[in-house]
Amino acid sequence: MKLFGYSEPDTPIEDVPELLEVTVNATPSELRRLSEFLTFCAGEMDRMGKEFSHLHLSDRMKEFRHSAHLVVFRSTDGEA
């Protein structure tokens, strides 16, 4: 797993840095919802295989539309 992030809008994708650490400031309820989203993403990756590209938390769970954007991409590490 790799984590990437940026704080400035319109950053070119090639300039988005890999992060060494992520801090999540959330309530227990938000963490449970985040867990649901990540589990959903894993299921979609299994179901769709290489056709899975990415999912946005705020698209799936509207209560996060004003939060920092969380996007889950399918890793291609180790693929043939």
N, C-alpha and C. Protein backbone atom coordinates (compact mmCIF):
# COMPACT_ATOMS: atom_id res chain seq x y z
N MET A 1 0.85 -1.17 0.00
CA MET A 1 0.00 0.00 0.00
C MET A 1 0.89 1.23 0.00
N LYS A 2 0.48 2.20 -0.78
CA LYS A 2 1.15 3.50 -0.81
C LYS A 2 0.08 4.56 -0.57
N LEU A 3 0.49 5.64 0.05
CA LEU A 3 -0.41 6.77 0.31
C LEU A 3 0.15 8.00 -0.38
N PHE A 4 -0.72 8.73 -1.04
CA PHE A 4 -0.34 9.95 -1.73
C PHE A 4 -1.27 11.07 -1.29
N GLY A 5 -0.82 12.30 -1.38
CA GLY A 5 -1.68 13.40 -1.00
C GLY A 5 -1.10 14.74 -1.36
N TYR A 6 -1.98 15.72 -1.40
CA TYR A 6 -1.56 17.09 -1.66
C TYR A 6 -2.54 18.03 -0.99
N SER A 7 -2.09 19.24 -0.76
CA SER A 7 -2.94 20.22 -0.09
C SER A 7 -3.36 21.36 -1.01
N GLU A 8 -2.79 21.44 -2.17
CA GLU A 8 -3.13 22.52 -3.10
C GLU A 8 -3.97 21.97 -4.25
N PRO A 9 -5.09 22.63 -4.57
CA PRO A 9 -5.90 22.17 -5.71
C PRO A 9 -5.13 22.32 -7.02
N ASP A 10 -5.54 21.55 -7.99
CA ASP A 10 -4.97 21.60 -9.35
C ASP A 10 -3.50 21.21 -9.41
N THR A 11 -3.03 20.43 -8.44
CA THR A 11 -1.66 19.92 -8.49
C THR A 11 -1.58 18.86 -9.58
N PRO A 12 -0.64 18.96 -10.51
CA PRO A 12 -0.51 17.91 -11.54
C PRO A 12 -0.26 16.56 -10.89
N ILE A 13 -0.89 15.52 -11.41
CA ILE A 13 -0.82 14.19 -10.82
C ILE A 13 0.62 13.72 -10.65
N GLU A 14 1.49 14.07 -11.55
CA GLU A 14 2.88 13.64 -11.46
C GLU A 14 3.64 14.34 -10.31
N ASP A 15 3.05 15.40 -9.76
CA ASP A 15 3.68 16.13 -8.66
C ASP A 15 3.08 15.80 -7.29
N VAL A 16 2.14 14.86 -7.23
CA VAL A 16 1.52 14.49 -5.96
C VAL A 16 2.50 13.61 -5.19
N PRO A 17 2.93 14.03 -4.00
CA PRO A 17 3.96 13.28 -3.28
C PRO A 17 3.40 12.04 -2.55
N GLU A 18 4.28 11.06 -2.41
CA GLU A 18 3.96 9.90 -1.58
C GLU A 18 4.12 10.34 -0.12
N LEU A 19 3.18 9.93 0.73
CA LEU A 19 3.18 10.31 2.13
C LEU A 19 3.82 9.23 2.99
N LEU A 20 4.53 9.65 4.01
CA LEU A 20 5.13 8.71 4.95
C LEU A 20 4.19 8.41 6.11
N GLU A 21 3.29 9.31 6.39
CA GLU A 21 2.38 9.16 7.53
C GLU A 21 1.08 9.86 7.22
N VAL A 22 -0.01 9.30 7.73
CA VAL A 22 -1.33 9.92 7.62
C VAL A 22 -1.94 9.94 9.00
N THR A 23 -2.50 11.06 9.39
CA THR A 23 -3.20 11.16 10.65
C THR A 23 -4.68 11.35 10.36
N VAL A 24 -5.51 10.52 10.96
CA VAL A 24 -6.95 10.61 10.76
C VAL A 24 -7.56 11.18 12.04
N ASN A 25 -8.23 12.32 11.91
CA ASN A 25 -8.92 12.96 13.01
C ASN A 25 -10.40 12.73 12.79
N ALA A 26 -10.99 11.75 13.51
CA ALA A 26 -12.36 11.34 13.23
C ALA A 26 -13.06 10.88 14.50
N THR A 27 -14.39 10.84 14.41
CA THR A 27 -15.20 10.29 15.48
C THR A 27 -15.29 8.77 15.30
N PRO A 28 -15.70 8.05 16.34
CA PRO A 28 -15.91 6.61 16.17
C PRO A 28 -16.89 6.29 15.04
N SER A 29 -17.94 7.07 14.93
CA SER A 29 -18.92 6.86 13.87
C SER A 29 -18.29 7.06 12.48
N GLU A 30 -17.49 8.11 12.34
CA GLU A 30 -16.82 8.35 11.05
C GLU A 30 -15.85 7.22 10.72
N LEU A 31 -15.15 6.72 11.71
CA LEU A 31 -14.23 5.60 11.47
C LEU A 31 -14.99 4.35 11.03
N ARG A 32 -16.15 4.11 11.63
CA ARG A 32 -16.95 2.96 11.20
C ARG A 32 -17.43 3.12 9.76
N ARG A 33 -17.84 4.32 9.40
CA ARG A 33 -18.27 4.57 8.02
C ARG A 33 -17.10 4.44 7.05
N LEU A 34 -15.93 4.91 7.45
CA LEU A 34 -14.73 4.77 6.63
C LEU A 34 -14.41 3.29 6.43
N SER A 35 -14.55 2.52 7.48
CA SER A 35 -14.32 1.08 7.39
C SER A 35 -15.29 0.44 6.40
N GLU A 36 -16.56 0.86 6.44
CA GLU A 36 -17.55 0.35 5.49
C GLU A 36 -17.14 0.68 4.06
N PHE A 37 -16.67 1.91 3.85
CA PHE A 37 -16.25 2.33 2.51
C PHE A 37 -15.07 1.50 2.02
N LEU A 38 -14.07 1.31 2.86
CA LEU A 38 -12.90 0.54 2.46
C LEU A 38 -13.27 -0.92 2.17
N THR A 39 -14.17 -1.48 2.96
CA THR A 39 -14.64 -2.85 2.71
C THR A 39 -15.39 -2.92 1.38
N PHE A 40 -16.20 -1.91 1.10
CA PHE A 40 -16.90 -1.84 -0.18
C PHE A 40 -15.91 -1.78 -1.34
N CYS A 41 -14.87 -0.95 -1.19
CA CYS A 41 -13.85 -0.83 -2.24
C CYS A 41 -13.17 -2.17 -2.49
N ALA A 42 -12.83 -2.89 -1.43
CA ALA A 42 -12.18 -4.20 -1.58
C ALA A 42 -13.10 -5.16 -2.35
N GLY A 43 -14.37 -5.15 -2.02
CA GLY A 43 -15.32 -6.00 -2.73
C GLY A 43 -15.44 -5.64 -4.20
N GLU A 44 -15.46 -4.34 -4.50
CA GLU A 44 -15.53 -3.90 -5.89
C GLU A 44 -14.26 -4.28 -6.65
N MET A 45 -13.11 -4.18 -6.00
CA MET A 45 -11.86 -4.60 -6.64
C MET A 45 -11.90 -6.08 -6.97
N ASP A 46 -12.37 -6.89 -6.02
CA ASP A 46 -12.50 -8.33 -6.27
C ASP A 46 -13.47 -8.60 -7.42
N ARG A 47 -14.60 -7.92 -7.41
CA ARG A 47 -15.64 -8.15 -8.42
C ARG A 47 -15.21 -7.68 -9.81
N MET A 48 -14.57 -6.52 -9.88
CA MET A 48 -14.26 -5.91 -11.17
C MET A 48 -12.87 -6.27 -11.70
N GLY A 49 -11.99 -6.75 -10.83
CA GLY A 49 -10.64 -7.07 -11.27
C GLY A 49 -9.93 -5.85 -11.81
N LYS A 50 -9.23 -6.03 -12.93
CA LYS A 50 -8.43 -4.93 -13.50
C LYS A 50 -9.27 -3.78 -14.04
N GLU A 51 -10.57 -3.98 -14.14
CA GLU A 51 -11.46 -2.91 -14.62
C GLU A 51 -11.70 -1.85 -13.53
N PHE A 52 -11.42 -2.20 -12.27
CA PHE A 52 -11.59 -1.23 -11.17
C PHE A 52 -10.52 -0.17 -11.30
N SER A 53 -10.94 1.08 -11.29
CA SER A 53 -9.99 2.19 -11.35
C SER A 53 -9.88 2.86 -9.98
N HIS A 54 -10.97 3.51 -9.54
CA HIS A 54 -10.95 4.22 -8.27
C HIS A 54 -12.36 4.55 -7.82
N LEU A 55 -12.49 4.84 -6.53
CA LEU A 55 -13.75 5.30 -5.94
C LEU A 55 -13.46 6.45 -4.99
N HIS A 56 -14.39 7.39 -4.93
CA HIS A 56 -14.29 8.55 -4.04
C HIS A 56 -15.22 8.34 -2.85
N LEU A 57 -14.70 8.52 -1.65
CA LEU A 57 -15.50 8.39 -0.44
C LEU A 57 -16.72 9.31 -0.50
N SER A 58 -16.54 10.55 -0.88
CA SER A 58 -17.64 11.52 -0.87
C SER A 58 -18.71 11.21 -1.91
N ASP A 59 -18.38 10.45 -2.94
CA ASP A 59 -19.39 10.04 -3.91
C ASP A 59 -20.24 8.91 -3.36
N ARG A 60 -19.64 8.08 -2.55
CA ARG A 60 -20.32 6.91 -1.99
C ARG A 60 -21.09 7.26 -0.72
N MET A 61 -20.53 8.18 0.08
CA MET A 61 -21.12 8.54 1.37
C MET A 61 -21.18 10.06 1.46
N LYS A 62 -22.34 10.60 1.19
CA LYS A 62 -22.51 12.05 1.05
C LYS A 62 -22.15 12.84 2.31
N GLU A 63 -22.17 12.20 3.49
CA GLU A 63 -21.83 12.94 4.70
C GLU A 63 -20.36 13.36 4.71
N PHE A 64 -19.56 12.83 3.80
CA PHE A 64 -18.14 13.20 3.72
C PHE A 64 -17.85 14.22 2.61
N ARG A 65 -18.89 14.80 2.04
CA ARG A 65 -18.66 15.70 0.89
C ARG A 65 -17.91 16.98 1.28
N HIS A 66 -17.91 17.32 2.56
CA HIS A 66 -17.17 18.52 3.00
C HIS A 66 -15.87 18.17 3.71
N SER A 67 -15.52 16.90 3.69
CA SER A 67 -14.26 16.44 4.30
C SER A 67 -13.14 16.48 3.28
N ALA A 68 -11.94 16.23 3.75
CA ALA A 68 -10.83 16.05 2.81
C ALA A 68 -11.20 14.90 1.85
N HIS A 69 -10.77 14.99 0.63
CA HIS A 69 -11.12 13.97 -0.37
C HIS A 69 -10.31 12.70 -0.12
N LEU A 70 -11.02 11.59 -0.09
CA LEU A 70 -10.37 10.29 0.03
C LEU A 70 -10.72 9.50 -1.22
N VAL A 71 -9.70 9.10 -1.96
CA VAL A 71 -9.87 8.34 -3.20
C VAL A 71 -9.10 7.04 -3.05
N VAL A 72 -9.75 5.92 -3.35
CA VAL A 72 -9.10 4.62 -3.30
C VAL A 72 -8.84 4.16 -4.72
N PHE A 73 -7.57 3.96 -5.05
CA PHE A 73 -7.15 3.46 -6.36
C PHE A 73 -6.73 2.01 -6.21
N ARG A 74 -6.90 1.27 -7.27
CA ARG A 74 -6.47 -0.14 -7.30
C ARG A 74 -4.96 -0.17 -7.51
N SER A 75 -4.26 -0.88 -6.66
CA SER A 75 -2.81 -1.03 -6.78
C SER A 75 -2.49 -1.94 -7.96
N THR A 76 -1.46 -1.59 -8.68
CA THR A 76 -0.99 -2.45 -9.76
C THR A 76 0.35 -3.09 -9.40
N ASP A 77 0.82 -2.84 -8.17
CA ASP A 77 2.08 -3.46 -7.73
C ASP A 77 1.98 -4.97 -7.77
N GLY A 78 2.97 -5.61 -8.33
CA GLY A 78 3.02 -7.06 -8.34
C GLY A 78 2.19 -7.72 -9.41
N GLU A 79 1.56 -6.93 -10.27
CA GLU A 79 0.75 -7.52 -11.35
C GLU A 79 1.62 -7.85 -12.55
N ALA A 80 1.21 -8.86 -13.26
CA ALA A 80 1.92 -9.24 -14.47
C ALA A 80 1.50 -8.36 -15.62
